[in-house]
Protein backbone atom coordinates (compact mmCIF):
# COMPACT_ATOMS: atom_id res chain seq x y z
CA MET A 1 0.07 -0.07 0.05
CA ASN A 2 1.37 3.37 -1.16
CA ARG A 3 1.47 6.27 1.65
CA THR A 4 -1.51 8.05 -0.28
CA ALA A 5 -3.84 4.98 0.01
CA ARG A 6 -2.51 4.53 3.67
CA LEU A 7 -3.41 7.81 4.81
CA TYR A 8 -6.90 7.40 3.45
CA ALA A 9 -7.07 4.14 4.91
CA LEU A 10 -6.15 5.62 8.17
CA VAL A 11 -8.95 8.17 7.99
CA GLU A 12 -11.47 5.23 7.35
CA GLU A 13 -9.94 3.29 10.45
CA LEU A 14 -10.65 6.24 12.58
CA ARG A 15 -14.12 6.87 11.18
CA ALA A 16 -15.06 3.31 11.67
CA ALA A 17 -14.14 3.32 15.57
CA ALA A 18 -15.60 6.98 16.00
CA PRO A 19 -16.30 8.48 18.61
CA ARG A 20 -13.87 5.87 20.37
CA PRO A 21 -10.20 6.86 19.99
CA VAL A 22 -7.72 4.28 18.60
CA THR A 23 -4.11 3.88 19.85
CA VAL A 24 -0.95 4.25 17.71
CA ALA A 25 0.07 0.76 18.45
CA ALA A 26 -3.31 -0.60 17.33
CA LEU A 27 -2.91 1.28 13.97
CA ALA A 28 0.45 0.13 13.57
CA ALA A 29 -0.65 -3.37 13.96
CA ARG A 30 -3.45 -2.80 11.60
CA PHE A 31 -1.42 -1.72 8.72
CA ASP A 32 1.89 -3.78 9.60
CA ILE A 33 3.82 -0.52 9.91
CA SER A 34 6.09 1.14 12.79
CA THR A 35 4.54 3.38 15.46
CA ARG A 36 6.78 6.14 14.09
CA THR A 37 5.28 5.77 10.64
CA VAL A 38 1.68 6.08 12.01
CA GLN A 39 2.70 9.11 14.04
CA ARG A 40 4.23 10.83 11.08
CA ASP A 41 0.97 9.83 8.97
CA LEU A 42 -1.39 11.28 11.50
CA GLN A 43 0.74 14.42 11.58
CA THR A 44 0.53 14.78 8.01
CA LEU A 45 -3.27 14.42 8.32
CA MET A 46 -3.57 16.97 10.80
CA GLU A 47 -1.56 19.47 8.55
CA THR A 48 -3.65 18.92 5.59
CA GLY A 49 -7.01 19.76 7.54
CA VAL A 50 -8.36 16.41 8.29
CA PRO A 51 -10.15 16.82 11.67
CA VAL A 52 -8.20 14.03 13.56
CA ARG A 53 -6.91 14.71 17.10
CA SER A 54 -4.73 13.10 19.72
CA ILE A 55 -6.63 12.58 23.26
CA PRO A 56 -3.85 12.12 26.14
CA GLY A 57 -4.08 9.84 29.19
CA ARG A 58 -5.10 6.38 29.99
CA GLY A 59 -7.87 5.29 27.39
CA GLY A 60 -6.82 7.74 25.00
CA GLY A 61 -5.65 7.63 21.55
CA TRP A 62 -6.49 9.30 18.07
CA SER A 63 -9.99 9.90 16.94
CA ILE A 64 -11.71 11.83 13.98
CA ASP A 65 -15.02 13.72 13.99
CA PRO A 66 -16.99 12.02 11.62
CA GLU A 67 -19.30 14.91 10.82
CA MET A 68 -16.34 16.80 9.36
CA THR A 69 -15.52 14.09 6.74
CA LEU A 70 -17.32 12.29 3.99
CA PRO A 71 -18.02 8.47 4.09
CA PRO A 72 -16.77 6.29 1.64
CA ILE A 73 -18.12 6.75 -1.87
CA HIS A 74 -18.41 4.21 -4.77
CA PHE A 75 -17.83 5.80 -8.15
CA THR A 76 -18.63 4.14 -11.40
CA ALA A 77 -15.90 3.99 -14.01
CA ASP A 78 -17.46 7.02 -16.01
CA GLU A 79 -17.91 8.93 -12.67
CA ALA A 80 -14.30 8.50 -11.89
CA SER A 81 -13.29 9.49 -15.30
CA ALA A 82 -15.43 12.68 -15.13
CA LEU A 83 -14.08 13.63 -11.75
CA THR A 84 -10.49 12.96 -12.98
CA ALA A 85 -11.10 15.16 -16.07
CA ALA A 86 -12.91 17.87 -14.13
CA LEU A 87 -10.21 18.08 -11.15
CA ALA A 88 -7.35 18.02 -13.83
CA ALA A 89 -8.71 21.05 -15.41
CA ALA A 90 -9.41 22.52 -12.03
CA ASP A 91 -5.87 22.15 -11.15
CA ALA A 92 -4.78 24.28 -14.10
CA SER A 93 -6.05 27.84 -13.56
CA THR A 94 -9.16 27.77 -11.26
CA PRO A 95 -9.79 28.97 -7.76
CA TYR A 96 -9.48 26.28 -4.95
CA ALA A 97 -6.84 24.62 -7.26
CA GLY A 98 -4.92 23.43 -4.29
CA ALA A 99 -8.07 21.64 -2.67
CA ALA A 100 -8.75 20.41 -6.08
CA ARG A 101 -5.38 18.77 -6.19
CA THR A 102 -5.83 17.00 -2.92
CA ALA A 103 -9.23 15.93 -3.49
CA ALA A 104 -7.98 14.10 -6.61
CA GLN A 105 -5.44 12.40 -4.52
CA LYS A 106 -7.85 11.23 -2.05
CA ILE A 107 -10.40 10.02 -4.66
CA ALA A 108 -7.65 7.97 -6.53
CA ALA A 109 -6.47 6.54 -3.17
CA SER A 110 -10.01 5.39 -2.47
CA MET A 111 -10.83 3.67 -5.69
CA THR A 112 -10.17 0.02 -6.65
CA GLY A 113 -10.85 -2.22 -9.98
CA PRO A 114 -12.17 -0.80 -13.23
CA ALA A 115 -13.00 2.94 -11.79
CA SER A 116 -9.63 3.44 -10.64
CA ALA A 117 -7.86 1.76 -13.87
CA ALA A 118 -10.21 4.21 -15.94
CA ALA A 119 -9.37 7.38 -13.90
CA GLN A 120 -5.57 6.47 -14.00
CA GLU A 121 -5.83 5.74 -17.85
CA LEU A 122 -7.58 9.12 -18.44
CA ALA A 123 -5.37 11.04 -16.14
CA ALA A 124 -2.17 10.14 -18.31
CA ARG A 125 -3.93 11.68 -21.39
CA ILE A 126 -4.77 15.16 -19.75
CA VAL A 127 -2.39 17.99 -19.86
CA ALA A 128 -2.87 21.62 -18.72
CA LEU A 129 -1.02 24.74 -19.43
CA PRO A 130 0.49 26.55 -16.49
CA PRO A 131 -2.06 28.95 -14.84
CA ARG A 132 -1.76 32.84 -15.60
CA THR A 133 -3.37 33.77 -12.42
CA ASP A 134 -0.77 34.53 -9.58
CA ALA A 135 -1.24 31.76 -6.92
CA ARG A 136 -1.18 34.29 -4.34
CA VAL A 137 -3.94 36.41 -5.79
CA ARG A 138 -6.19 33.04 -6.05
CA THR A 139 -5.26 32.27 -2.30
CA ALA A 140 -6.31 35.86 -1.22
CA VAL A 141 -9.60 35.74 -3.33
CA GLU A 142 -10.37 32.08 -1.85
CA GLN A 143 -9.84 33.31 1.70
CA ALA A 144 -11.81 36.50 1.39
CA LEU A 145 -15.00 34.66 -0.12
CA ALA A 146 -14.61 31.98 2.72
CA ASP A 147 -14.21 34.63 5.50
CA ASN A 148 -16.34 37.33 3.99
CA MET A 149 -13.49 39.78 4.12
CA ALA A 150 -12.90 42.87 2.04
CA LEU A 151 -9.94 42.88 -0.37
CA ARG A 152 -7.57 45.55 -1.65
CA LEU A 153 -6.87 45.02 -5.19
CA SER A 154 -4.48 46.19 -7.95
CA TYR A 155 -6.21 45.59 -11.01
CA THR A 156 -5.66 46.56 -14.80
CA ASP A 157 -8.80 46.62 -16.96
CA ALA A 158 -9.08 45.64 -20.64
CA ALA A 159 -7.89 49.15 -21.62
CA GLY A 160 -4.97 48.74 -19.76
CA GLN A 161 -5.66 51.26 -17.09
CA GLU A 162 -4.38 50.24 -13.71
CA SER A 163 -6.28 51.20 -10.37
CA ASN A 164 -6.39 50.34 -6.89
CA ARG A 165 -9.55 49.82 -4.96
CA VAL A 166 -11.29 48.11 -2.03
CA VAL A 167 -13.94 45.32 -2.72
CA GLU A 168 -16.36 43.16 -1.00
CA PRO A 169 -16.39 39.77 -2.77
CA ALA A 170 -19.66 38.18 -3.55
CA GLY A 171 -18.90 35.20 -5.96
CA LEU A 172 -16.99 33.83 -8.64
CA LEU A 173 -18.13 33.68 -12.31
CA THR A 174 -16.53 31.39 -14.98
CA ALA A 175 -17.22 32.39 -18.67
CA ASP A 176 -15.23 31.30 -21.90
CA GLY A 177 -12.45 29.75 -19.77
CA ARG A 178 -11.82 32.55 -17.73
CA TRP A 179 -12.67 33.13 -14.14
CA TYR A 180 -13.89 36.55 -12.60
CA LEU A 181 -14.50 37.79 -9.08
CA ILE A 182 -17.86 39.49 -8.58
CA ALA A 183 -17.71 41.94 -5.94
CA TRP A 184 -19.17 45.14 -4.64
CA CYS A 185 -16.59 47.95 -5.50
CA ARG A 186 -16.45 50.50 -2.58
CA THR A 187 -14.50 52.89 -4.67
CA ARG A 188 -17.08 52.72 -7.56
CA ARG A 189 -20.10 52.09 -5.26
CA ALA A 190 -21.17 49.55 -7.64
CA GLY A 191 -21.07 45.88 -8.50
CA ARG A 192 -18.00 45.02 -10.80
CA GLY A 193 -16.37 42.01 -12.19
CA PHE A 194 -12.71 41.38 -11.88
CA ARG A 195 -10.82 38.99 -14.19
CA LEU A 196 -8.60 36.96 -11.95
CA ASP A 197 -5.67 37.13 -14.42
CA ARG A 198 -5.80 40.90 -14.46
CA ILE A 199 -5.41 41.12 -10.68
CA ALA A 200 -1.73 41.95 -10.19
CA ALA A 201 -2.17 41.79 -6.20
CA ALA A 202 -4.79 41.23 -3.62
CA ALA A 203 -4.46 41.86 0.18
CA PRO A 204 -6.83 41.31 2.75
CA THR A 205 -7.92 44.74 4.41
CA GLY A 206 -9.18 43.30 7.67
CA ASP A 207 -12.71 44.58 7.24
CA ARG A 208 -15.76 42.62 7.26
CA ALA A 209 -17.59 42.51 3.94
CA GLN A 210 -21.28 43.25 3.71
CA PRO A 211 -23.60 40.55 2.28
CA HIS A 212 -24.45 41.05 -1.37
CA ASP A 213 -26.56 39.27 -3.48
CA LEU A 214 -24.63 37.73 -6.56
CA THR A 215 -27.60 37.86 -9.01
CA GLU A 216 -28.24 41.37 -8.14
CA LEU A 217 -24.54 42.42 -8.54
CA LEU A 218 -24.85 40.79 -12.29
CA LEU A 219 -27.96 42.54 -13.19
CA GLY A 220 -27.25 44.76 -16.22
CA SER A 221 -23.88 43.33 -17.05
CA ALA A 222 -22.86 40.91 -19.96
CA ALA A 223 -23.37 38.08 -17.40
CA ALA A 224 -26.89 38.91 -16.28
CA ASP A 225 -27.99 35.48 -17.69
CA ALA A 226 -25.35 33.50 -15.89
CA VAL A 227 -26.73 30.30 -14.11
CA ARG A 228 -25.42 28.06 -11.56
CA PRO A 229 -23.44 25.11 -12.90
CA ALA A 230 -25.64 21.98 -13.17
CA ALA A 231 -23.35 19.82 -10.97
CA LEU A 232 -23.70 22.57 -8.04
CA SER A 233 -27.48 22.90 -8.19
CA SER A 234 -28.17 20.08 -5.84
CA LEU A 235 -26.13 21.60 -3.30
CA THR A 236 -28.21 24.72 -3.11
CA PRO A 237 -30.78 24.86 -0.29
CA ARG A 238 -34.39 25.05 -1.53
CA PRO A 239 -36.23 27.99 -0.16
């Protein structure tokens, strides 16, 4: 078993035992590895955001919060191939590219049989050009959206005019292979779209952003008819 597959298996072992903790010795015996390797793997899981924790004292060990992780999911060969293609494309230039990469690794580690073979065969035939968007800009945008924080942008528009402005992020728009940050611009006091590859720098201001309706900000723009991708529709709460 390679390390990626073992990390996934460790998560499932802790999930199966939850909420009871599992000792390092028990995990080492289960996977026929040293306790030092188990400790290193558990530390890696923590550093990548997996909700595992150590419980000290007698009767302690390692546990995981099952509500913070997904249960095992079984994909068909077609579903595995579709996910491989989508995540490979996301890894090139889209927001949350880092999370897409780790998700792809977890999916690959969890699959066996025809689905795994199909995904691996397809992955070998997908290539992507290096992203034009600065990784630091993408990270700042992702964090601002997650934390509802205002951003200070250095931006160059289609006419080559440079400007500095403070914006309140509302969402992301993808069109014709490009990504845009849709936000309320405090400088212009109106909704604006900022192409990610034209943002030279983005930094958090420390100010909370006011809530803005994404659809309202798009009204009157070229993206007024934008719709949520079909794959995300089922994730949206119904009124």
